C-alpha cells in the first residue's frame, strides 16, 4: 500500500463502526467510511470533542451536524494551501490520501530535465494540478463542474500559484480529449481521477466500469513521443489495483516504461494501522 504519511496538519486519529475521526488543522471531523467495518472501543478523547459530524442516512446521502466549524478554513501540505469547506455527501474538498501520488509525480517532474506538459482530467479542486504546477509543470486542468474549477483556482491563489502556467477548463473530459486529438495537442503526463458515476455539463452519463478503458485508450493518442507518467486513481470497489495495472500495461505497451498499482491509504495515529482509501495505477517511463 502507498501511504500518505507526510501530513502535518491532517491525520486520521481513530476509526470504528463505519466512521473515521479526523483532524483537519485544528478542527475535528467525524465522517462515514465504508472500509471501517470493525468495532473498536472509542477511547480517544477527541471522539467527544467534535467540530462537525456527517451523519449517513439509511436512505442514502446524509447531512452535516455542526458544533463549532467555520464555513471555510485553510489546510497546508508542504508548499500547497487548500481552502476547505464542508459540502455535499461528507466531502471537504480534499482527499488527503492523494498526497502520496503528488509526491511521486512531483519528483518525476522535477527530475525530468525538460519541460513537462500535464493533463489533469476530472481534476476536482486541483490538488494534483497544484502539486504538478509547483513542481514546474505546465498543467491543463479539466473538470465538468464550474464550481469545482472555481474552487481549484482559489486553491491556486492561496498556494501562490495564481500566475502559474495552468489552463483552467470547464468541460466534459471525454469530449475534451477527443478535441485535443483532432487539434494535435500532446501531453507528457496524464492524471485522471474518474468518478464512479457522473454526468457531464450536457447530461452525458459516465459509469467508470463501462467508460474508463475507452478513455485511457483515447488518451494514448494525445501522449507525446516520450511520456513521463500516466496516473489513474479509483475509488470504485470493482476496480482493484490489479485491474488498473492490467489496463495501463495494455494501453502503454508501445512505450518503454513500467507499471505498478497499489491501494493508497492513510496512517491511523491511535493504533498504527493504515486505512485503505482507494487504489492508484502508475505507469512511468524507464
Protein backbone atom coordinates (compact mmCIF):
# COMPACT_ATOMS: atom_id res chain seq x y z
CA UNK A 1 0.00 0.00 0.00
CA UNK A 2 1.18 3.53 -0.78
CA UNK A 3 0.71 5.58 2.41
CA UNK A 4 0.29 9.36 2.55
CA UNK A 5 2.30 9.82 5.74
CA UNK A 6 3.84 13.27 5.23
CA UNK A 7 0.91 15.36 6.50
CA UNK A 8 1.47 17.75 9.40
CA UNK A 9 -1.97 19.37 9.59
CA UNK A 10 -4.17 16.36 8.78
CA UNK A 11 -4.49 13.00 10.49
CA UNK A 12 -6.84 10.06 10.88
CA UNK A 13 -6.96 9.87 14.67
CA UNK A 14 -9.12 6.76 15.03
CA UNK A 15 -11.82 4.76 13.25
CA UNK A 16 -14.62 2.48 14.41
CA UNK A 17 -18.17 1.42 13.50
CA UNK A 18 -18.15 2.77 9.96
CA UNK A 19 -16.69 6.18 10.81
CA UNK A 20 -13.29 7.86 10.85
CA UNK A 21 -12.24 10.52 13.33
CA UNK A 22 -10.06 13.12 11.60
CA UNK A 23 -8.09 16.26 12.43
CA UNK A 24 -8.21 18.88 9.69
CA UNK A 25 -5.91 21.58 11.02
CA UNK A 26 -7.38 22.45 14.42
CA UNK A 27 -10.83 21.05 13.63
CA UNK A 28 -12.08 17.55 14.44
CA UNK A 29 -14.46 15.95 11.95
CA UNK A 30 -16.26 12.63 12.13
CA UNK A 31 -17.20 11.21 8.74
CA UNK A 32 -18.50 7.89 7.41
CA UNK A 33 -16.07 5.43 5.83
CA UNK A 34 -17.35 2.20 4.26
CA UNK A 35 -13.98 0.49 4.79
CA UNK A 36 -14.31 0.74 8.57
CA UNK A 37 -16.30 -2.42 9.21
CA UNK A 38 -14.81 -3.14 12.65
CA UNK A 39 -15.99 -2.15 16.11
CA UNK A 40 -13.23 -0.99 18.46
CA UNK A 41 -13.50 0.97 21.74
CA UNK A 42 -13.76 4.73 21.24
CA UNK A 43 -11.29 5.62 23.98
CA UNK A 44 -9.63 8.62 22.33
CA UNK A 45 -10.90 11.87 23.93
CA UNK A 46 -11.41 13.51 20.52
CA UNK A 47 -14.46 11.28 19.92
CA UNK A 48 -16.21 13.65 22.35
CA UNK A 49 -14.68 16.88 21.03
CA UNK A 50 -16.15 17.15 17.53
CA UNK A 51 -16.41 20.29 15.44
CA UNK A 52 -18.66 18.57 12.89
CA UNK A 53 -20.22 15.16 12.27
CA UNK A 54 -21.55 13.91 8.95
CA UNK A 55 -24.45 11.51 9.51
CA UNK A 56 -25.22 8.98 6.81
CA UNK A 57 -28.87 8.38 6.05
CA UNK A 58 -30.13 4.83 5.63
CA UNK A 59 -32.00 6.13 2.57
CA UNK A 60 -28.74 7.33 1.01
CA UNK A 61 -26.89 10.60 1.33
CA UNK A 62 -26.87 12.29 4.69
CA UNK A 63 -26.27 15.65 6.35
CA UNK A 64 -23.75 17.57 8.38
CA UNK A 65 -24.24 18.37 12.06
CA UNK A 66 -22.09 21.36 13.04
CA UNK A 67 -20.90 22.16 16.56
CA UNK A 68 -18.16 24.74 16.02
CA UNK A 69 -16.80 24.84 12.47
CA UNK A 70 -16.18 27.86 10.21
CA UNK A 71 -17.68 27.99 6.74
CA UNK A 72 -14.16 27.79 5.28
CA UNK A 73 -10.63 27.26 6.57
CA UNK A 74 -7.15 26.60 5.18
CA UNK A 75 -5.06 23.43 5.29
CA UNK A 76 -1.41 23.19 4.22
CA UNK A 77 0.61 20.38 2.68
CA UNK A 78 4.27 21.27 2.22
CA UNK A 79 4.17 24.34 -0.08
CA UNK A 80 0.48 23.98 -1.01
CA UNK A 81 -2.55 25.62 0.61
CA UNK A 82 -6.11 24.33 0.28
CA UNK A 83 -9.33 26.12 1.12
CA UNK A 84 -11.65 23.62 2.77
CA UNK A 85 -15.38 23.73 3.39
CA UNK A 86 -17.90 21.01 4.26
CA UNK A 87 -20.23 20.34 1.39
CA UNK A 88 -22.45 17.66 -0.12
CA UNK A 89 -22.03 13.98 0.68
CA UNK A 90 -19.45 14.22 3.51
CA UNK A 91 -16.69 15.90 1.47
CA UNK A 92 -14.42 18.81 2.42
CA UNK A 93 -12.87 19.49 -0.99
CA UNK A 94 -9.71 17.45 -0.46
CA UNK A 95 -8.67 13.79 -0.50
CA UNK A 96 -5.57 13.70 1.78
CA UNK A 97 -4.53 10.20 0.68
CA UNK A 98 -3.71 11.61 -2.77
CA UNK A 99 -0.66 13.34 -1.32
CA UNK A 100 1.29 10.11 -1.80
CA UNK A 101 0.73 10.48 -5.55
CA UNK A 102 1.51 14.21 -5.52
CA UNK A 103 4.92 13.47 -4.01
CA UNK A 104 5.59 10.68 -6.52
CA UNK A 105 4.87 12.65 -9.68
CA UNK A 106 6.34 15.89 -8.33
CA UNK A 107 9.70 14.15 -8.04
CA UNK A 108 9.36 12.81 -11.58
CA UNK A 109 8.56 16.29 -12.95
CA UNK A 110 11.42 17.95 -11.06
CA UNK A 111 13.92 15.31 -12.24
CA UNK A 112 12.73 15.13 -15.86
CA UNK A 113 15.31 17.61 -17.08
CA UNK A 114 12.86 19.02 -19.65
CA UNK A 115 9.60 20.99 -19.76
CA UNK A 116 6.63 18.77 -18.88
CA UNK A 117 3.03 19.28 -20.02
CA UNK A 118 0.50 17.61 -17.71
CA UNK A 119 -3.19 16.95 -18.38
CA UNK A 120 -5.32 16.52 -15.24
CA UNK A 121 -8.76 15.05 -16.01
CA UNK A 122 -11.66 15.04 -13.52
CA UNK A 123 -9.42 17.47 -11.70
CA UNK A 124 -11.82 18.41 -8.85
CA UNK A 125 -10.45 21.13 -6.54
CA UNK A 126 -6.97 20.93 -8.00
CA UNK A 127 -4.74 19.07 -5.53
CA UNK A 128 -2.86 17.24 -8.29
CA UNK A 129 -2.89 20.32 -10.53
CA UNK A 130 -1.22 22.46 -7.87
CA UNK A 131 1.34 19.78 -6.97
CA UNK A 132 2.30 19.40 -10.64
CA UNK A 133 2.47 23.17 -11.21
CA UNK A 134 4.54 23.69 -8.06
CA UNK A 135 6.98 21.05 -9.37
CA UNK A 136 7.41 23.11 -12.55
CA UNK A 137 4.93 21.57 -14.99
CA UNK A 138 2.62 23.33 -17.42
CA UNK A 139 -0.83 21.99 -16.46
CA UNK A 140 -4.21 21.73 -18.19
CA UNK A 141 -6.95 21.27 -15.56
CA UNK A 142 -10.28 19.86 -16.79
CA UNK A 143 -13.45 19.27 -14.77
CA UNK A 144 -17.12 19.27 -15.74
CA UNK A 145 -18.11 21.29 -12.66
CA UNK A 146 -17.81 25.07 -12.92
CA UNK A 147 -17.90 25.31 -9.12
CA UNK A 148 -15.03 22.86 -8.69
CA UNK A 149 -12.85 24.69 -11.21
CA UNK A 150 -13.53 27.98 -9.39
CA UNK A 151 -12.58 26.31 -6.10
CA UNK A 152 -9.37 24.96 -7.66
CA UNK A 153 -8.47 28.49 -8.79
CA UNK A 154 -8.96 29.68 -5.18
CA UNK A 155 -6.54 26.99 -4.03
CA UNK A 156 -4.03 28.05 -6.68
CA UNK A 157 -4.10 31.66 -5.48
CA UNK A 158 -3.82 30.55 -1.84
CA UNK A 159 -0.79 28.43 -2.78
CA UNK A 160 0.96 31.31 -4.52
CA UNK A 161 0.30 29.70 -7.91
CA UNK A 162 -2.20 32.22 -9.26
CA UNK A 163 0.18 33.10 -12.09
CA UNK A 164 1.46 29.56 -12.71
CA UNK A 165 1.05 28.12 -16.24
CA UNK A 166 -2.29 26.41 -15.57
CA UNK A 167 -5.09 26.27 -18.14
CA UNK A 168 -8.48 26.04 -16.36
CA UNK A 169 -11.26 24.36 -18.35
CA UNK A 170 -14.88 23.50 -17.54
CA UNK A 171 -15.57 20.66 -19.95
CA UNK A 172 -16.62 17.04 -20.36
CA UNK A 173 -13.35 15.13 -20.08
CA UNK A 174 -14.02 12.62 -22.84
CA UNK A 175 -15.10 15.28 -25.33
CA UNK A 176 -12.12 17.42 -24.41
CA UNK A 177 -9.69 14.57 -25.15
CA UNK A 178 -11.44 13.89 -28.48
CA UNK A 179 -10.99 17.55 -29.45
CA UNK A 180 -7.34 17.52 -28.38
CA UNK A 181 -6.77 14.53 -30.67
CA UNK A 182 -8.25 16.50 -33.59
CA UNK A 183 -6.18 19.57 -32.68
CA UNK A 184 -2.99 17.50 -32.49
CA UNK A 185 -2.13 18.64 -28.95
CA UNK A 186 0.22 16.42 -26.94
CA UNK A 187 0.98 15.91 -23.25
CA UNK A 188 3.93 14.36 -21.45
CA UNK A 189 1.88 13.16 -18.50
CA UNK A 190 -1.76 12.38 -17.73
CA UNK A 191 -3.52 12.25 -14.38
CA UNK A 192 -7.11 11.10 -14.09
CA UNK A 193 -9.39 10.68 -11.09
CA UNK A 194 -12.63 9.49 -12.69
CA UNK A 195 -15.80 9.27 -10.59
CA UNK A 196 -17.66 6.01 -10.21
CA UNK A 197 -20.70 7.69 -11.70
CA UNK A 198 -21.28 11.16 -13.03
CA UNK A 199 -22.81 13.44 -15.62
CA UNK A 200 -21.14 15.86 -17.99
CA UNK A 201 -22.21 19.50 -18.48
CA UNK A 202 -24.88 18.43 -21.00
CA UNK A 203 -26.11 15.39 -19.09
CA UNK A 204 -23.63 12.88 -20.51
CA UNK A 205 -23.67 9.76 -18.32
CA UNK A 206 -20.37 8.37 -17.06
CA UNK A 207 -20.06 4.90 -15.50
CA UNK A 208 -16.46 4.12 -14.71
CA UNK A 209 -16.59 0.37 -15.40
CA UNK A 210 -18.06 0.99 -18.85
CA UNK A 211 -16.14 4.10 -19.83
CA UNK A 212 -12.68 4.27 -18.27
CA UNK A 213 -10.81 1.84 -20.55
CA UNK A 214 -12.01 3.61 -23.70
CA UNK A 215 -10.94 6.95 -22.22
CA UNK A 216 -7.49 5.61 -21.30
CA UNK A 217 -7.07 4.32 -24.86
CA UNK A 218 -8.14 7.71 -26.22
CA UNK A 219 -5.59 9.43 -24.00
CA UNK A 220 -2.72 7.49 -25.55
CA UNK A 221 -3.43 9.44 -28.75
CA UNK A 222 -2.53 12.71 -27.04
CA UNK A 223 0.64 11.46 -25.35
CA UNK A 224 3.95 12.83 -26.55
CA UNK A 225 6.55 10.53 -28.08
CA UNK A 226 8.40 10.43 -24.75
CA UNK A 227 5.75 10.40 -21.99
CA UNK A 228 6.81 10.74 -18.37
CA UNK A 229 3.93 9.14 -16.46
CA UNK A 230 0.26 8.12 -16.51
CA UNK A 231 -1.64 8.04 -13.22
CA UNK A 232 -5.16 6.64 -12.70
CA UNK A 233 -6.99 6.83 -9.38
CA UNK A 234 -10.04 4.77 -8.49
CA UNK A 235 -12.43 4.84 -5.57
CA UNK A 236 -14.65 2.19 -7.14
CA UNK A 237 -14.66 -1.15 -5.32
CA UNK A 238 -14.67 -3.20 -8.53
CA UNK A 239 -11.54 -1.57 -9.94
CA UNK A 240 -8.84 -3.25 -7.89
CA UNK A 241 -5.15 -2.32 -8.23
CA UNK A 242 -4.54 -5.32 -10.50
CA UNK A 243 -7.25 -4.10 -12.89
CA UNK A 244 -5.62 -0.67 -13.08
CA UNK A 245 -2.24 -2.30 -13.69
CA UNK A 246 -3.54 -4.54 -16.49
CA UNK A 247 -5.35 -1.62 -18.11
CA UNK A 248 -2.28 0.64 -18.10
CA UNK A 249 0.00 -2.19 -19.15
CA UNK A 250 -2.23 -2.93 -22.13
CA UNK A 251 -2.55 0.60 -23.47
CA UNK A 252 1.03 1.71 -22.72
CA UNK A 253 2.89 -1.33 -24.05
CA UNK A 254 4.33 0.57 -27.03
CA UNK A 255 6.21 2.87 -24.64
CA UNK A 256 9.33 1.99 -22.67
CA UNK A 257 8.13 2.01 -19.09
CA UNK A 258 6.93 0.12 -16.04
CA UNK A 259 3.52 -0.29 -14.39
CA UNK A 260 2.67 -0.58 -10.71
CA UNK A 261 -0.63 -0.36 -8.86
CA UNK A 262 -1.43 -0.40 -5.15
CA UNK A 263 -4.05 0.56 -2.66
CA UNK A 264 -3.49 4.04 -1.28
CA UNK A 265 -4.07 4.80 2.35
CA UNK A 266 -3.66 6.95 5.42
CA UNK A 267 -1.98 6.09 8.73
CA UNK A 268 -4.25 5.89 11.78
CA UNK A 269 -2.40 7.60 14.61
CA UNK A 270 -4.16 5.86 17.53
CA UNK A 271 -3.36 2.29 16.52
CA UNK A 272 -0.66 2.32 13.83
CA UNK A 273 -2.92 0.79 11.19
CA UNK A 274 -3.24 2.06 7.62
CA UNK A 275 -6.74 2.88 6.43
CA UNK A 276 -7.27 1.93 2.76
CA UNK A 277 -8.72 4.79 0.71
CA UNK A 278 -8.88 3.59 -2.89
CA UNK A 279 -6.37 2.47 -5.48
CA UNK A 280 -3.89 4.04 -7.88
CA UNK A 281 -2.26 2.72 -11.03
CA UNK A 282 1.02 4.28 -12.21
CA UNK A 283 2.83 3.92 -15.49
CA UNK A 284 6.23 5.63 -15.59
CA UNK A 285 8.96 5.88 -18.17
CA UNK A 286 12.18 3.94 -17.63
